[in-house]
Structure formats: structure tokens, C-alpha cells
C-alpha atoms as a PDB file:
ATOM      1  CA  UNK A   1     -22.519 -15.609  45.143  1.00  0.00           C
ATOM      2  CA  UNK A   2     -21.255 -18.950  44.772  1.00  0.00           C
ATOM      3  CA  UNK A   3     -17.703 -19.994  45.675  1.00  0.00           C
ATOM      4  CA  UNK A   4     -16.043 -21.962  43.079  1.00  0.00           C
ATOM      5  CA  UNK A   5     -13.478 -24.619  43.653  1.00  0.00           C
ATOM      6  CA  UNK A   6      -9.948 -24.305  42.110  1.00  0.00           C
ATOM      7  CA  UNK A   7     -10.443 -26.918  39.362  1.00  0.00           C
ATOM      8  CA  UNK A   8     -13.845 -25.146  38.320  1.00  0.00           C
ATOM      9  CA  UNK A   9     -12.204 -21.870  38.307  1.00  0.00           C
ATOM     10  CA  UNK A  10      -9.805 -22.880  35.835  1.00  0.00           C
ATOM     11  CA  UNK A  11     -11.898 -24.219  33.489  1.00  0.00           C
ATOM     12  CA  UNK A  12     -13.579 -20.945  33.224  1.00  0.00           C
ATOM     13  CA  UNK A  13     -10.448 -18.638  33.089  1.00  0.00           C
ATOM     14  CA  UNK A  14     -10.180 -17.378  29.489  1.00  0.00           C
ATOM     15  CA  UNK A  15      -6.491 -17.479  28.513  1.00  0.00           C
ATOM     16  CA  UNK A  16      -5.040 -14.210  27.301  1.00  0.00           C
ATOM     17  CA  UNK A  17      -2.299 -13.693  24.916  1.00  0.00           C
ATOM     18  CA  UNK A  18      -0.140 -10.605  26.163  1.00  0.00           C
ATOM     19  CA  UNK A  19       1.916 -10.394  23.364  1.00  0.00           C
ATOM     20  CA  UNK A  20      -1.115  -9.093  21.303  1.00  0.00           C
ATOM     21  CA  UNK A  21      -2.131  -6.487  23.625  1.00  0.00           C
ATOM     22  CA  UNK A  22      -2.236  -2.852  22.083  1.00  0.00           C
ATOM     23  CA  UNK A  23      -0.020  -1.526  25.089  1.00  0.00           C
ATOM     24  CA  UNK A  24       2.449  -4.037  24.879  1.00  0.00           C
ATOM     25  CA  UNK A  25       5.652  -3.305  22.757  1.00  0.00           C
ATOM     26  CA  UNK A  26       7.007  -5.765  19.890  1.00  0.00           C
ATOM     27  CA  UNK A  27       9.814  -8.086  21.310  1.00  0.00           C
ATOM     28  CA  UNK A  28      12.098  -9.913  18.834  1.00  0.00           C
ATOM     29  CA  UNK A  29      15.161 -11.949  19.379  1.00  0.00           C
ATOM     30  CA  UNK A  30      17.987 -11.182  17.314  1.00  0.00           C
ATOM     31  CA  UNK A  31      20.105 -13.651  15.493  1.00  0.00           C
ATOM     32  CA  UNK A  32      24.002 -13.874  16.145  1.00  0.00           C
ATOM     33  CA  UNK A  33      24.846 -11.595  13.165  1.00  0.00           C
ATOM     34  CA  UNK A  34      22.362  -9.102  14.145  1.00  0.00           C
ATOM     35  CA  UNK A  35      23.421  -8.967  17.804  1.00  0.00           C
ATOM     36  CA  UNK A  36      26.989  -8.268  16.372  1.00  0.00           C
ATOM     37  CA  UNK A  37      25.934  -5.358  14.439  1.00  0.00           C
ATOM     38  CA  UNK A  38      23.995  -3.842  17.242  1.00  0.00           C
ATOM     39  CA  UNK A  39      27.218  -4.322  19.304  1.00  0.00           C
ATOM     40  CA  UNK A  40      29.481  -2.863  16.633  1.00  0.00           C
ATOM     41  CA  UNK A  41      27.282   0.164  15.975  1.00  0.00           C
ATOM     42  CA  UNK A  42      27.159   1.251  19.435  1.00  0.00           C
ATOM     43  CA  UNK A  43      30.771   0.074  20.350  1.00  0.00           C
ATOM     44  CA  UNK A  44      29.816  -1.806  23.392  1.00  0.00           C
ATOM     45  CA  UNK A  45      29.877  -5.369  24.745  1.00  0.00           C
ATOM     46  CA  UNK A  46      26.748  -7.648  25.441  1.00  0.00           C
ATOM     47  CA  UNK A  47      27.762  -7.163  29.119  1.00  0.00           C
ATOM     48  CA  UNK A  48      27.396  -3.234  29.086  1.00  0.00           C
ATOM     49  CA  UNK A  49      23.466  -3.630  27.899  1.00  0.00           C
ATOM     50  CA  UNK A  50      20.739  -3.537  30.276  1.00  0.00           C
ATOM     51  CA  UNK A  51      19.073  -7.061  31.017  1.00  0.00           C
ATOM     52  CA  UNK A  52      15.796  -8.726  31.280  1.00  0.00           C
ATOM     53  CA  UNK A  53      15.170 -12.297  32.909  1.00  0.00           C
ATOM     54  CA  UNK A  54      15.071 -15.241  31.007  1.00  0.00           C
ATOM     55  CA  UNK A  55      11.819 -16.077  33.007  1.00  0.00           C
ATOM     56  CA  UNK A  56      10.277 -12.914  32.038  1.00  0.00           C
ATOM     57  CA  UNK A  57       6.891 -13.576  30.151  1.00  0.00           C
ATOM     58  CA  UNK A  58       7.998 -11.748  27.166  1.00  0.00           C
ATOM     59  CA  UNK A  59      11.553 -13.327  27.241  1.00  0.00           C
ATOM     60  CA  UNK A  60       9.623 -16.835  27.013  1.00  0.00           C
ATOM     61  CA  UNK A  61       7.188 -15.627  24.340  1.00  0.00           C
ATOM     62  CA  UNK A  62      10.138 -15.205  21.964  1.00  0.00           C
ATOM     63  CA  UNK A  63      11.910 -17.878  23.203  1.00  0.00           C
ATOM     64  CA  UNK A  64      15.060 -16.221  24.514  1.00  0.00           C
ATOM     65  CA  UNK A  65      18.043 -18.072  26.349  1.00  0.00           C
ATOM     66  CA  UNK A  66      20.806 -16.434  28.494  1.00  0.00           C
ATOM     67  CA  UNK A  67      23.086 -14.368  26.516  1.00  0.00           C
ATOM     68  CA  UNK A  68      20.578 -13.604  23.825  1.00  0.00           C
ATOM     69  CA  UNK A  69      19.930 -10.142  22.873  1.00  0.00           C
ATOM     70  CA  UNK A  70      16.336  -8.959  22.701  1.00  0.00           C
ATOM     71  CA  UNK A  71      15.102  -5.743  20.664  1.00  0.00           C
ATOM     72  CA  UNK A  72      12.167  -4.067  21.892  1.00  0.00           C
ATOM     73  CA  UNK A  73      10.478  -1.797  19.776  1.00  0.00           C
ATOM     74  CA  UNK A  74       8.296   1.130  21.142  1.00  0.00           C
ATOM     75  CA  UNK A  75       5.845   2.986  19.274  1.00  0.00           C
ATOM     76  CA  UNK A  76       5.082   6.742  20.470  1.00  0.00           C
ATOM     77  CA  UNK A  77       3.667   9.809  18.373  1.00  0.00           C
ATOM     78  CA  UNK A  78       7.280  10.520  17.436  1.00  0.00           C
ATOM     79  CA  UNK A  79       7.858   7.211  15.938  1.00  0.00           C
ATOM     80  CA  UNK A  80       9.483   3.828  16.764  1.00  0.00           C
ATOM     81  CA  UNK A  81      12.201   3.571  19.232  1.00  0.00           C
ATOM     82  CA  UNK A  82      14.241   0.366  19.663  1.00  0.00           C
ATOM     83  CA  UNK A  83      15.560  -0.788  22.684  1.00  0.00           C
ATOM     84  CA  UNK A  84      17.819  -3.564  23.644  1.00  0.00           C
ATOM     85  CA  UNK A  85      18.273  -5.985  26.670  1.00  0.00           C
ATOM     86  CA  UNK A  86      20.460  -8.919  27.207  1.00  0.00           C
ATOM     87  CA  UNK A  87      18.954 -11.828  28.592  1.00  0.00           C
ATOM     88  CA  UNK A  88      19.999 -13.130  31.890  1.00  0.00           C
ATOM     89  CA  UNK A  89      19.144 -16.195  34.010  1.00  0.00           C
END
């Protein structure tokens, strides 16, 4: 087997878009109005939500910035379930 130099290997590697993978749930960044509606619906503040890092691959994919709210929609046999995450640095 032939050893490849990093530059040769980089040219041969196929780029993969993980957002299109069947097992990755749908991520979407909510608008300010949608964020307000979610917080009012659950009677919580933004700081009470679980977090996700701004450097996370999926956060970058939806162009999320700190203090944005991301909606993650997971699909199961029982239907669709929304999960919400606050973006942090």
C-alpha cells in the first residue's frame, strides 16, 4: 500500500454534507418573533434552555450566533418532536 502525503490525501477526500444524512435531525434557527413565541408558550427565559455551542457543526450550518434559538426536529415512530437549544460561545 502506498503512503500519501497530506496534500495528495486532501485532494482525494470526498466532501460530505452531514446536514443531508438520514440520521441527522432537522435544525433551524428561529426568528426573534418565533423565539418570543416559544419562550411565552413554555413560560421560560432564554437562559433556562439547554445549550449548544456556536462552534458545533450544525450551529454553523444554520448560521447561528450566540443567544440565537435553534429548533431541532427529531422524527420517530411516534411522530415529530421539537427540541430547543440556546446557542452559546
